[in-house]
Amino acid sequence: MNYDILARYYDALVKDDEATRHWVHWIGSAGNTLLDCACGSGEITRQLAEKYEDVQGMDLSPAMIEAAAAKDTDHQVTWSTGNMTDLSGFGTFDVITCLCDSVNY
């Protein structure tokens, strides 16, 4: 699936505020730093930024990162492209997430 094309429609197709609240509640706050792998359009990532001091959202698709960063008007998250199968260069984190169906990829 080409997420660079899907990025324009992603939220309209899969955004689920209730599921986001459940994910954020389940993850809680177990430290200060968090990396969200395969963050997509950043809905969950931005909510987690309310609980963590340093949050990074990473996705393979540059278009998804652009969509996520455009919604982050308070600049609470550091957004970057990357492959979740190689986390070298991302540093160390108290929590690393890979949510929803991302682990299937």
N, C-alpha and C. Protein backbone atom coordinates (compact mmCIF):
# COMPACT_ATOMS: atom_id res chain seq x y z
N MET A 1 0.84 -1.18 0.00
CA MET A 1 0.00 0.00 0.00
C MET A 1 0.89 1.24 0.00
N ASN A 2 0.53 2.20 -0.81
CA ASN A 2 1.33 3.41 -0.92
C ASN A 2 0.76 4.50 -0.01
N TYR A 3 1.37 4.65 1.16
CA TYR A 3 0.88 5.62 2.13
C TYR A 3 1.16 7.06 1.71
N ASP A 4 2.04 7.26 0.75
CA ASP A 4 2.26 8.62 0.26
C ASP A 4 1.01 9.13 -0.45
N ILE A 5 0.26 8.25 -1.07
CA ILE A 5 -1.02 8.62 -1.69
C ILE A 5 -2.13 8.62 -0.64
N LEU A 6 -2.16 7.61 0.20
CA LEU A 6 -3.20 7.45 1.20
C LEU A 6 -3.20 8.57 2.25
N ALA A 7 -2.07 9.21 2.46
CA ALA A 7 -1.94 10.23 3.51
C ALA A 7 -3.02 11.31 3.41
N ARG A 8 -3.42 11.66 2.21
CA ARG A 8 -4.44 12.70 2.02
C ARG A 8 -5.80 12.28 2.56
N TYR A 9 -6.07 10.99 2.61
CA TYR A 9 -7.39 10.47 2.99
C TYR A 9 -7.38 9.69 4.30
N TYR A 10 -6.20 9.51 4.87
CA TYR A 10 -6.02 8.58 5.98
C TYR A 10 -6.95 8.88 7.16
N ASP A 11 -6.97 10.12 7.64
CA ASP A 11 -7.82 10.45 8.78
C ASP A 11 -9.30 10.24 8.48
N ALA A 12 -9.72 10.57 7.28
CA ALA A 12 -11.13 10.38 6.92
C ALA A 12 -11.51 8.90 6.93
N LEU A 13 -10.55 8.04 6.66
CA LEU A 13 -10.82 6.60 6.59
C LEU A 13 -10.66 5.89 7.94
N VAL A 14 -9.68 6.30 8.76
CA VAL A 14 -9.38 5.49 9.94
C VAL A 14 -9.37 6.24 11.27
N LYS A 15 -9.52 7.54 11.27
CA LYS A 15 -9.48 8.28 12.53
C LYS A 15 -10.58 7.80 13.46
N ASP A 16 -10.18 7.51 14.71
CA ASP A 16 -11.12 6.98 15.70
C ASP A 16 -10.76 7.57 17.06
N ASP A 17 -11.44 8.64 17.45
CA ASP A 17 -11.11 9.34 18.68
C ASP A 17 -11.24 8.45 19.91
N GLU A 18 -12.25 7.59 19.94
CA GLU A 18 -12.44 6.71 21.09
C GLU A 18 -11.28 5.72 21.20
N ALA A 19 -10.88 5.12 20.10
CA ALA A 19 -9.75 4.19 20.12
C ALA A 19 -8.47 4.91 20.53
N THR A 20 -8.29 6.13 20.07
CA THR A 20 -7.11 6.91 20.46
C THR A 20 -7.08 7.10 21.96
N ARG A 21 -8.21 7.48 22.56
CA ARG A 21 -8.27 7.65 24.02
C ARG A 21 -7.91 6.36 24.75
N HIS A 22 -8.39 5.24 24.23
CA HIS A 22 -8.08 3.95 24.86
C HIS A 22 -6.59 3.63 24.77
N TRP A 23 -5.99 3.83 23.61
CA TRP A 23 -4.55 3.59 23.46
C TRP A 23 -3.76 4.46 24.43
N VAL A 24 -4.08 5.74 24.50
CA VAL A 24 -3.34 6.68 25.35
C VAL A 24 -3.50 6.28 26.82
N HIS A 25 -4.70 5.90 27.21
CA HIS A 25 -4.93 5.46 28.58
C HIS A 25 -4.14 4.19 28.89
N TRP A 26 -4.15 3.23 27.98
CA TRP A 26 -3.48 1.96 28.17
C TRP A 26 -1.96 2.15 28.29
N ILE A 27 -1.40 3.02 27.47
CA ILE A 27 0.05 3.26 27.51
C ILE A 27 0.44 4.00 28.77
N GLY A 28 -0.40 4.92 29.21
CA GLY A 28 -0.10 5.66 30.44
C GLY A 28 1.12 6.56 30.27
N SER A 29 1.83 6.75 31.36
CA SER A 29 3.05 7.56 31.32
C SER A 29 4.11 6.85 32.15
N ALA A 30 5.00 6.19 31.46
CA ALA A 30 6.01 5.36 32.12
C ALA A 30 7.41 5.94 31.92
N GLY A 31 7.54 7.22 32.04
CA GLY A 31 8.84 7.86 31.85
C GLY A 31 8.68 9.21 31.21
N ASN A 32 9.75 9.67 30.61
CA ASN A 32 9.75 11.01 30.01
C ASN A 32 9.85 11.01 28.49
N THR A 33 10.38 9.93 27.91
CA THR A 33 10.63 9.92 26.47
C THR A 33 9.88 8.78 25.80
N LEU A 34 9.37 9.07 24.60
CA LEU A 34 8.58 8.07 23.87
C LEU A 34 8.86 8.19 22.38
N LEU A 35 9.02 7.06 21.73
CA LEU A 35 9.11 6.98 20.27
C LEU A 35 7.91 6.19 19.79
N ASP A 36 7.14 6.78 18.88
CA ASP A 36 5.98 6.11 18.29
C ASP A 36 6.36 5.71 16.87
N CYS A 37 6.65 4.42 16.69
CA CYS A 37 7.00 3.88 15.38
C CYS A 37 5.76 3.72 14.52
N ALA A 38 5.89 3.98 13.24
CA ALA A 38 4.78 3.86 12.30
C ALA A 38 3.61 4.71 12.79
N CYS A 39 3.89 5.96 13.09
CA CYS A 39 2.92 6.86 13.73
C CYS A 39 1.81 7.33 12.79
N GLY A 40 1.93 7.08 11.51
CA GLY A 40 0.88 7.49 10.59
C GLY A 40 0.65 8.99 10.62
N SER A 41 -0.60 9.39 10.72
CA SER A 41 -0.94 10.82 10.70
C SER A 41 -0.82 11.46 12.08
N GLY A 42 -0.32 10.72 13.05
CA GLY A 42 0.05 11.29 14.34
C GLY A 42 -1.05 11.51 15.35
N GLU A 43 -2.23 10.96 15.15
CA GLU A 43 -3.33 11.19 16.09
C GLU A 43 -2.98 10.71 17.50
N ILE A 44 -2.52 9.48 17.63
CA ILE A 44 -2.18 8.94 18.94
C ILE A 44 -0.91 9.61 19.45
N THR A 45 0.03 9.83 18.58
CA THR A 45 1.31 10.45 18.96
C THR A 45 1.09 11.81 19.61
N ARG A 46 0.24 12.62 19.01
CA ARG A 46 -0.01 13.95 19.56
C ARG A 46 -0.67 13.88 20.93
N GLN A 47 -1.54 12.91 21.14
CA GLN A 47 -2.17 12.75 22.45
C GLN A 47 -1.14 12.30 23.48
N LEU A 48 -0.23 11.43 23.09
CA LEU A 48 0.82 10.97 24.00
C LEU A 48 1.76 12.11 24.39
N ALA A 49 1.88 13.10 23.52
CA ALA A 49 2.74 14.26 23.82
C ALA A 49 2.23 15.05 25.02
N GLU A 50 0.98 14.84 25.38
CA GLU A 50 0.43 15.49 26.57
C GLU A 50 0.96 14.84 27.85
N LYS A 51 1.47 13.61 27.75
CA LYS A 51 1.91 12.86 28.93
C LYS A 51 3.43 12.71 29.03
N TYR A 52 4.14 12.96 27.97
CA TYR A 52 5.58 12.75 27.93
C TYR A 52 6.29 14.06 27.58
N GLU A 53 7.49 14.25 28.14
CA GLU A 53 8.26 15.46 27.87
C GLU A 53 8.83 15.48 26.46
N ASP A 54 9.31 14.34 26.00
CA ASP A 54 9.98 14.25 24.70
C ASP A 54 9.34 13.13 23.90
N VAL A 55 8.62 13.50 22.84
CA VAL A 55 7.93 12.52 22.00
C VAL A 55 8.43 12.67 20.57
N GLN A 56 8.76 11.52 19.99
CA GLN A 56 9.14 11.48 18.58
C GLN A 56 8.18 10.56 17.84
N GLY A 57 7.70 11.03 16.71
CA GLY A 57 6.86 10.23 15.84
C GLY A 57 7.64 9.90 14.58
N MET A 58 7.65 8.63 14.21
CA MET A 58 8.43 8.18 13.06
C MET A 58 7.54 7.33 12.16
N ASP A 59 7.64 7.55 10.86
CA ASP A 59 6.89 6.77 9.90
C ASP A 59 7.73 6.62 8.64
N LEU A 60 7.50 5.56 7.91
CA LEU A 60 8.22 5.30 6.67
C LEU A 60 7.81 6.27 5.56
N SER A 61 6.58 6.75 5.62
CA SER A 61 6.02 7.60 4.57
C SER A 61 6.25 9.09 4.84
N PRO A 62 7.00 9.76 3.98
CA PRO A 62 7.18 11.21 4.15
C PRO A 62 5.85 11.98 4.14
N ALA A 63 4.89 11.53 3.33
CA ALA A 63 3.60 12.21 3.25
C ALA A 63 2.82 12.08 4.56
N MET A 64 2.93 10.93 5.22
CA MET A 64 2.26 10.76 6.52
C MET A 64 2.91 11.66 7.56
N ILE A 65 4.22 11.77 7.54
CA ILE A 65 4.91 12.66 8.48
C ILE A 65 4.51 14.11 8.21
N GLU A 66 4.40 14.49 6.97
CA GLU A 66 3.95 15.85 6.64
C GLU A 66 2.55 16.10 7.19
N ALA A 67 1.65 15.14 7.03
CA ALA A 67 0.28 15.28 7.53
C ALA A 67 0.28 15.39 9.05
N ALA A 68 1.08 14.58 9.71
CA ALA A 68 1.15 14.62 11.18
C ALA A 68 1.72 15.96 11.66
N ALA A 69 2.78 16.40 11.05
CA ALA A 69 3.43 17.66 11.45
C ALA A 69 2.51 18.85 11.22
N ALA A 70 1.71 18.80 10.17
CA ALA A 70 0.79 19.90 9.88
C ALA A 70 -0.25 20.07 10.98
N LYS A 71 -0.62 18.99 11.64
CA LYS A 71 -1.61 19.06 12.72
C LYS A 71 -0.99 19.43 14.06
N ASP A 72 0.32 19.33 14.17
CA ASP A 72 1.03 19.59 15.42
C ASP A 72 1.41 21.08 15.50
N THR A 73 0.40 21.91 15.62
CA THR A 73 0.63 23.36 15.59
C THR A 73 1.41 23.87 16.81
N ASP A 74 1.40 23.12 17.90
CA ASP A 74 2.17 23.50 19.09
C ASP A 74 3.59 22.94 19.08
N HIS A 75 3.93 22.19 18.04
CA HIS A 75 5.27 21.60 17.89
C HIS A 75 5.68 20.80 19.12
N GLN A 76 4.79 19.93 19.57
CA GLN A 76 5.05 19.11 20.75
C GLN A 76 5.80 17.83 20.42
N VAL A 77 5.83 17.46 19.15
CA VAL A 77 6.42 16.19 18.72
C VAL A 77 7.54 16.47 17.72
N THR A 78 8.60 15.68 17.79
CA THR A 78 9.63 15.69 16.76
C THR A 78 9.25 14.63 15.74
N TRP A 79 9.03 15.03 14.50
CA TRP A 79 8.57 14.13 13.45
C TRP A 79 9.72 13.78 12.53
N SER A 80 9.81 12.51 12.14
CA SER A 80 10.87 12.10 11.22
C SER A 80 10.45 10.87 10.43
N THR A 81 11.06 10.72 9.27
CA THR A 81 10.84 9.51 8.50
C THR A 81 11.88 8.48 8.92
N GLY A 82 11.47 7.24 8.89
CA GLY A 82 12.37 6.15 9.24
C GLY A 82 11.66 4.82 9.14
N ASN A 83 12.47 3.78 9.17
CA ASN A 83 11.96 2.43 9.08
C ASN A 83 11.95 1.81 10.47
N MET A 84 10.81 1.32 10.91
CA MET A 84 10.69 0.78 12.26
C MET A 84 11.51 -0.49 12.47
N THR A 85 12.04 -1.05 11.39
CA THR A 85 12.90 -2.23 11.54
C THR A 85 14.34 -1.85 11.82
N ASP A 86 14.66 -0.56 11.79
CA ASP A 86 16.01 -0.09 12.09
C ASP A 86 15.92 1.18 12.91
N LEU A 87 16.04 1.05 14.22
CA LEU A 87 15.91 2.19 15.12
C LEU A 87 17.25 2.82 15.47
N SER A 88 18.32 2.36 14.83
CA SER A 88 19.62 2.96 15.10
C SER A 88 19.57 4.43 14.67
N GLY A 89 20.16 5.26 15.47
CA GLY A 89 20.15 6.68 15.18
C GLY A 89 18.99 7.44 15.81
N PHE A 90 18.06 6.73 16.41
CA PHE A 90 16.92 7.40 17.04
C PHE A 90 17.15 7.66 18.52
N GLY A 91 18.19 7.11 19.11
CA GLY A 91 18.47 7.34 20.52
C GLY A 91 17.81 6.31 21.40
N THR A 92 17.70 6.65 22.68
CA THR A 92 17.07 5.75 23.65
C THR A 92 15.79 6.40 24.17
N PHE A 93 14.84 5.55 24.56
CA PHE A 93 13.54 6.01 25.00
C PHE A 93 13.06 5.18 26.17
N ASP A 94 12.25 5.79 27.01
CA ASP A 94 11.61 5.05 28.09
C ASP A 94 10.52 4.13 27.55
N VAL A 95 9.84 4.57 26.49
CA VAL A 95 8.75 3.81 25.89
C VAL A 95 8.88 3.89 24.37
N ILE A 96 8.71 2.75 23.72
CA ILE A 96 8.63 2.70 22.26
C ILE A 96 7.33 2.00 21.92
N THR A 97 6.52 2.64 21.08
CA THR A 97 5.24 2.06 20.69
C THR A 97 5.22 1.73 19.20
N CYS A 98 4.40 0.78 18.86
CA CYS A 98 4.08 0.43 17.47
C CYS A 98 2.63 -0.04 17.54
N LEU A 99 1.71 0.85 17.25
CA LEU A 99 0.32 0.63 17.58
C LEU A 99 -0.54 0.25 16.38
N CYS A 100 -1.75 -0.12 16.70
CA CYS A 100 -2.78 -0.51 15.72
C CYS A 100 -2.27 -1.67 14.88
N ASP A 101 -2.37 -1.59 13.57
CA ASP A 101 -1.94 -2.72 12.76
C ASP A 101 -0.54 -2.54 12.20
N SER A 102 0.19 -1.54 12.69
CA SER A 102 1.53 -1.25 12.15
C SER A 102 2.49 -2.42 12.26
N VAL A 103 2.40 -3.17 13.34
CA VAL A 103 3.32 -4.28 13.53
C VAL A 103 3.13 -5.34 12.43
N ASN A 104 1.99 -5.36 11.78
CA ASN A 104 1.76 -6.29 10.67
C ASN A 104 2.68 -6.01 9.47
N TYR A 105 3.16 -4.79 9.38
CA TYR A 105 4.03 -4.42 8.28
C TYR A 105 5.46 -4.74 8.57
